[in-house]
Amino acid sequence: MTAVLGFMLIYGGATMGLSMLLLLSGLDIVTAFSAVIATVNNIGPGLGEVGPSGNFGGLNPFQLSVLSFAMLLGRLELLSVLVLFSSHFWRK
């Protein structure tokens, strides 16, 4: 039960944090949130600028790098990528 709750909190925190980065870079809330959800879950188009009638081509390089990191988190699984950032993993 604790492991599932931990994963849900990490997933929610990563989604909110990446969405906030996109919001601070100038995207609207619908585009930012749906772009992060689409890239973390690898589900295809989002809403707004990245919706079915648009694409990711109109985003600036910073926004694309944030979404690329989100895609890596989704493809490689959240916990395995976040372990790479822990100091305990690199001590040996």
N, C-alpha and C. Protein backbone atom coordinates (compact mmCIF):
# COMPACT_ATOMS: atom_id res chain seq x y z
N MET A 1 0.83 -1.18 0.00
CA MET A 1 0.00 0.00 0.00
C MET A 1 0.88 1.26 0.00
N THR A 2 1.95 1.22 0.78
CA THR A 2 2.85 2.37 0.85
C THR A 2 3.58 2.58 -0.47
N ALA A 3 3.97 1.50 -1.13
CA ALA A 3 4.68 1.61 -2.40
C ALA A 3 3.79 2.21 -3.47
N VAL A 4 2.53 1.82 -3.50
CA VAL A 4 1.59 2.37 -4.48
C VAL A 4 1.35 3.84 -4.21
N LEU A 5 1.18 4.20 -2.96
CA LEU A 5 0.99 5.61 -2.61
C LEU A 5 2.23 6.42 -2.96
N GLY A 6 3.40 5.87 -2.73
CA GLY A 6 4.64 6.56 -3.09
C GLY A 6 4.74 6.80 -4.59
N PHE A 7 4.40 5.78 -5.38
CA PHE A 7 4.43 5.93 -6.83
C PHE A 7 3.43 6.99 -7.29
N MET A 8 2.24 6.98 -6.72
CA MET A 8 1.22 7.96 -7.10
C MET A 8 1.67 9.38 -6.75
N LEU A 9 2.32 9.54 -5.61
CA LEU A 9 2.80 10.87 -5.22
C LEU A 9 3.93 11.34 -6.14
N ILE A 10 4.82 10.44 -6.51
CA ILE A 10 5.91 10.79 -7.42
C ILE A 10 5.35 11.14 -8.80
N TYR A 11 4.39 10.36 -9.26
CA TYR A 11 3.76 10.62 -10.56
C TYR A 11 3.06 11.98 -10.56
N GLY A 12 2.27 12.24 -9.52
CA GLY A 12 1.56 13.52 -9.42
C GLY A 12 2.51 14.69 -9.27
N GLY A 13 3.56 14.52 -8.47
CA GLY A 13 4.54 15.58 -8.29
C GLY A 13 5.30 15.88 -9.57
N ALA A 14 5.68 14.84 -10.29
CA ALA A 14 6.38 15.04 -11.56
C ALA A 14 5.48 15.72 -12.58
N THR A 15 4.23 15.30 -12.64
CA THR A 15 3.28 15.90 -13.58
C THR A 15 3.05 17.38 -13.25
N MET A 16 2.85 17.67 -11.98
CA MET A 16 2.62 19.06 -11.59
C MET A 16 3.87 19.91 -11.78
N GLY A 17 5.03 19.38 -11.41
CA GLY A 17 6.27 20.14 -11.56
C GLY A 17 6.59 20.46 -13.01
N LEU A 18 6.46 19.47 -13.88
CA LEU A 18 6.73 19.70 -15.30
C LEU A 18 5.68 20.63 -15.91
N SER A 19 4.43 20.51 -15.47
CA SER A 19 3.39 21.42 -15.95
C SER A 19 3.68 22.86 -15.51
N MET A 20 4.15 23.03 -14.30
CA MET A 20 4.49 24.37 -13.81
C MET A 20 5.64 24.97 -14.61
N LEU A 21 6.63 24.16 -14.96
CA LEU A 21 7.72 24.67 -15.81
C LEU A 21 7.19 25.16 -17.15
N LEU A 22 6.26 24.41 -17.73
CA LEU A 22 5.69 24.83 -19.01
C LEU A 22 4.81 26.07 -18.85
N LEU A 23 4.10 26.16 -17.73
CA LEU A 23 3.30 27.36 -17.49
C LEU A 23 4.18 28.59 -17.34
N LEU A 24 5.30 28.44 -16.65
CA LEU A 24 6.22 29.57 -16.47
C LEU A 24 6.90 29.96 -17.78
N SER A 25 6.95 29.04 -18.73
CA SER A 25 7.57 29.36 -20.02
C SER A 25 6.60 30.00 -21.00
N GLY A 26 5.34 30.15 -20.60
CA GLY A 26 4.40 30.88 -21.44
C GLY A 26 3.27 30.10 -22.07
N LEU A 27 3.16 28.82 -21.80
CA LEU A 27 2.04 28.05 -22.36
C LEU A 27 0.79 28.26 -21.52
N ASP A 28 -0.37 28.08 -22.14
CA ASP A 28 -1.61 28.14 -21.37
C ASP A 28 -1.77 26.85 -20.58
N ILE A 29 -2.67 26.86 -19.61
CA ILE A 29 -2.79 25.75 -18.67
C ILE A 29 -3.24 24.45 -19.34
N VAL A 30 -4.15 24.55 -20.30
CA VAL A 30 -4.66 23.34 -20.98
C VAL A 30 -3.55 22.70 -21.81
N THR A 31 -2.82 23.50 -22.56
CA THR A 31 -1.74 22.97 -23.39
C THR A 31 -0.63 22.39 -22.52
N ALA A 32 -0.24 23.11 -21.47
CA ALA A 32 0.86 22.65 -20.61
C ALA A 32 0.52 21.33 -19.95
N PHE A 33 -0.63 21.25 -19.32
CA PHE A 33 -0.99 20.04 -18.58
C PHE A 33 -1.19 18.86 -19.53
N SER A 34 -1.89 19.08 -20.63
CA SER A 34 -2.15 17.96 -21.54
C SER A 34 -0.89 17.52 -22.28
N ALA A 35 0.03 18.44 -22.55
CA ALA A 35 1.29 18.05 -23.19
C ALA A 35 2.12 17.17 -22.26
N VAL A 36 2.15 17.50 -20.98
CA VAL A 36 2.89 16.67 -20.02
C VAL A 36 2.23 15.31 -19.88
N ILE A 37 0.92 15.27 -19.77
CA ILE A 37 0.21 13.99 -19.65
C ILE A 37 0.45 13.15 -20.90
N ALA A 38 0.39 13.78 -22.08
CA ALA A 38 0.58 13.04 -23.34
C ALA A 38 1.99 12.48 -23.45
N THR A 39 3.00 13.22 -22.99
CA THR A 39 4.37 12.73 -23.13
C THR A 39 4.75 11.73 -22.04
N VAL A 40 4.32 11.95 -20.82
CA VAL A 40 4.65 10.99 -19.75
C VAL A 40 3.97 9.65 -20.01
N ASN A 41 2.72 9.68 -20.46
CA ASN A 41 1.97 8.45 -20.67
C ASN A 41 2.08 7.91 -22.10
N ASN A 42 2.74 8.65 -22.99
CA ASN A 42 2.90 8.23 -24.39
C ASN A 42 1.56 7.90 -25.04
N ILE A 43 0.61 8.85 -24.95
CA ILE A 43 -0.74 8.58 -25.43
C ILE A 43 -1.10 9.33 -26.71
N GLY A 44 -0.17 10.06 -27.28
CA GLY A 44 -0.48 10.76 -28.53
C GLY A 44 -0.74 12.24 -28.31
N PRO A 45 -1.65 12.83 -29.05
CA PRO A 45 -1.85 14.28 -28.97
C PRO A 45 -2.51 14.69 -27.66
N GLY A 46 -2.27 15.93 -27.29
CA GLY A 46 -2.89 16.49 -26.10
C GLY A 46 -4.05 17.39 -26.50
N LEU A 47 -4.17 18.50 -25.81
CA LEU A 47 -5.20 19.49 -26.10
C LEU A 47 -4.54 20.83 -26.34
N GLY A 48 -5.28 21.78 -26.86
CA GLY A 48 -4.73 23.12 -27.10
C GLY A 48 -3.79 23.12 -28.29
N GLU A 49 -2.64 23.76 -28.13
CA GLU A 49 -1.66 23.86 -29.22
C GLU A 49 -1.14 22.51 -29.68
N VAL A 50 -1.08 21.54 -28.79
CA VAL A 50 -0.54 20.22 -29.13
C VAL A 50 -1.66 19.21 -29.37
N GLY A 51 -2.83 19.70 -29.69
CA GLY A 51 -4.00 18.85 -29.91
C GLY A 51 -3.99 18.20 -31.28
N PRO A 52 -5.09 17.57 -31.62
CA PRO A 52 -5.19 16.85 -32.89
C PRO A 52 -5.00 17.75 -34.12
N SER A 53 -5.38 19.01 -34.01
CA SER A 53 -5.21 19.92 -35.16
C SER A 53 -3.89 20.68 -35.11
N GLY A 54 -3.06 20.44 -34.10
CA GLY A 54 -1.76 21.10 -33.97
C GLY A 54 -0.67 20.07 -33.77
N ASN A 55 0.51 20.55 -33.43
CA ASN A 55 1.62 19.64 -33.14
C ASN A 55 2.60 20.32 -32.19
N PHE A 56 3.67 19.63 -31.87
CA PHE A 56 4.66 20.14 -30.94
C PHE A 56 5.66 21.08 -31.62
N GLY A 57 5.53 21.30 -32.91
CA GLY A 57 6.48 22.12 -33.67
C GLY A 57 6.47 23.59 -33.29
N GLY A 58 5.39 24.09 -32.71
CA GLY A 58 5.31 25.49 -32.35
C GLY A 58 5.89 25.83 -30.99
N LEU A 59 6.42 24.84 -30.30
CA LEU A 59 6.97 25.08 -28.96
C LEU A 59 8.43 25.51 -29.07
N ASN A 60 8.88 26.28 -28.07
CA ASN A 60 10.28 26.73 -28.09
C ASN A 60 11.20 25.62 -27.57
N PRO A 61 12.52 25.77 -27.74
CA PRO A 61 13.46 24.71 -27.34
C PRO A 61 13.39 24.32 -25.86
N PHE A 62 13.16 25.29 -24.97
CA PHE A 62 13.05 24.95 -23.55
C PHE A 62 11.85 24.06 -23.29
N GLN A 63 10.72 24.40 -23.88
CA GLN A 63 9.51 23.60 -23.71
C GLN A 63 9.69 22.20 -24.28
N LEU A 64 10.35 22.11 -25.41
CA LEU A 64 10.61 20.79 -26.00
C LEU A 64 11.55 19.96 -25.14
N SER A 65 12.52 20.59 -24.49
CA SER A 65 13.43 19.84 -23.62
C SER A 65 12.70 19.35 -22.37
N VAL A 66 11.80 20.16 -21.82
CA VAL A 66 11.00 19.72 -20.67
C VAL A 66 10.14 18.53 -21.06
N LEU A 67 9.52 18.60 -22.23
CA LEU A 67 8.66 17.51 -22.68
C LEU A 67 9.48 16.27 -23.06
N SER A 68 10.70 16.46 -23.54
CA SER A 68 11.57 15.32 -23.82
C SER A 68 11.94 14.60 -22.52
N PHE A 69 12.22 15.37 -21.48
CA PHE A 69 12.50 14.77 -20.17
C PHE A 69 11.27 14.04 -19.65
N ALA A 70 10.08 14.62 -19.86
CA ALA A 70 8.84 13.97 -19.45
C ALA A 70 8.65 12.66 -20.20
N MET A 71 9.01 12.64 -21.47
CA MET A 71 8.89 11.41 -22.25
C MET A 71 9.86 10.34 -21.75
N LEU A 72 11.07 10.77 -21.38
CA LEU A 72 12.02 9.81 -20.80
C LEU A 72 11.50 9.24 -19.49
N LEU A 73 10.90 10.11 -18.66
CA LEU A 73 10.32 9.62 -17.40
C LEU A 73 9.24 8.58 -17.67
N GLY A 74 8.43 8.81 -18.68
CA GLY A 74 7.37 7.87 -18.99
C GLY A 74 7.87 6.59 -19.60
N ARG A 75 8.84 6.67 -20.50
CA ARG A 75 9.35 5.48 -21.18
C ARG A 75 10.18 4.60 -20.26
N LEU A 76 11.01 5.21 -19.43
CA LEU A 76 11.92 4.45 -18.58
C LEU A 76 11.36 4.19 -17.19
N GLU A 77 10.15 4.62 -16.95
CA GLU A 77 9.47 4.52 -15.67
C GLU A 77 10.04 5.53 -14.66
N LEU A 78 9.16 6.13 -13.94
CA LEU A 78 9.50 7.22 -13.03
C LEU A 78 10.54 6.83 -11.99
N LEU A 79 10.31 5.72 -11.32
CA LEU A 79 11.19 5.36 -10.21
C LEU A 79 12.60 5.01 -10.67
N SER A 80 12.73 4.32 -11.80
CA SER A 80 14.07 3.95 -12.26
C SER A 80 14.87 5.17 -12.70
N VAL A 81 14.23 6.18 -13.24
CA VAL A 81 14.94 7.40 -13.62
C VAL A 81 15.29 8.22 -12.39
N LEU A 82 14.38 8.31 -11.44
CA LEU A 82 14.64 9.10 -10.23
C LEU A 82 15.70 8.46 -9.35
N VAL A 83 15.88 7.14 -9.42
CA VAL A 83 16.94 6.48 -8.67
C VAL A 83 18.30 6.97 -9.15
N LEU A 84 18.42 7.27 -10.43
CA LEU A 84 19.70 7.77 -10.96
C LEU A 84 20.11 9.10 -10.33
N PHE A 85 19.14 9.86 -9.82
CA PHE A 85 19.44 11.14 -9.19
C PHE A 85 19.69 11.03 -7.69
N SER A 86 19.60 9.83 -7.13
CA SER A 86 19.84 9.68 -5.70
C SER A 86 21.32 9.40 -5.43
N SER A 87 21.83 9.95 -4.37
CA SER A 87 23.24 9.75 -4.03
C SER A 87 23.52 8.33 -3.54
N HIS A 88 22.51 7.70 -2.95
CA HIS A 88 22.68 6.33 -2.45
C HIS A 88 23.00 5.35 -3.59
N PHE A 89 22.45 5.58 -4.73
CA PHE A 89 22.69 4.71 -5.90
C PHE A 89 24.15 4.77 -6.35
N TRP A 90 24.77 5.94 -6.26
CA TRP A 90 26.12 6.14 -6.78
C TRP A 90 27.23 5.93 -5.74
N ARG A 91 26.92 5.55 -4.51
CA ARG A 91 27.94 5.42 -3.47
C ARG A 91 28.90 4.26 -3.70
N LYS A 92 28.47 3.19 -4.30
CA LYS A 92 29.36 2.05 -4.53
C LYS A 92 30.19 2.37 -5.72
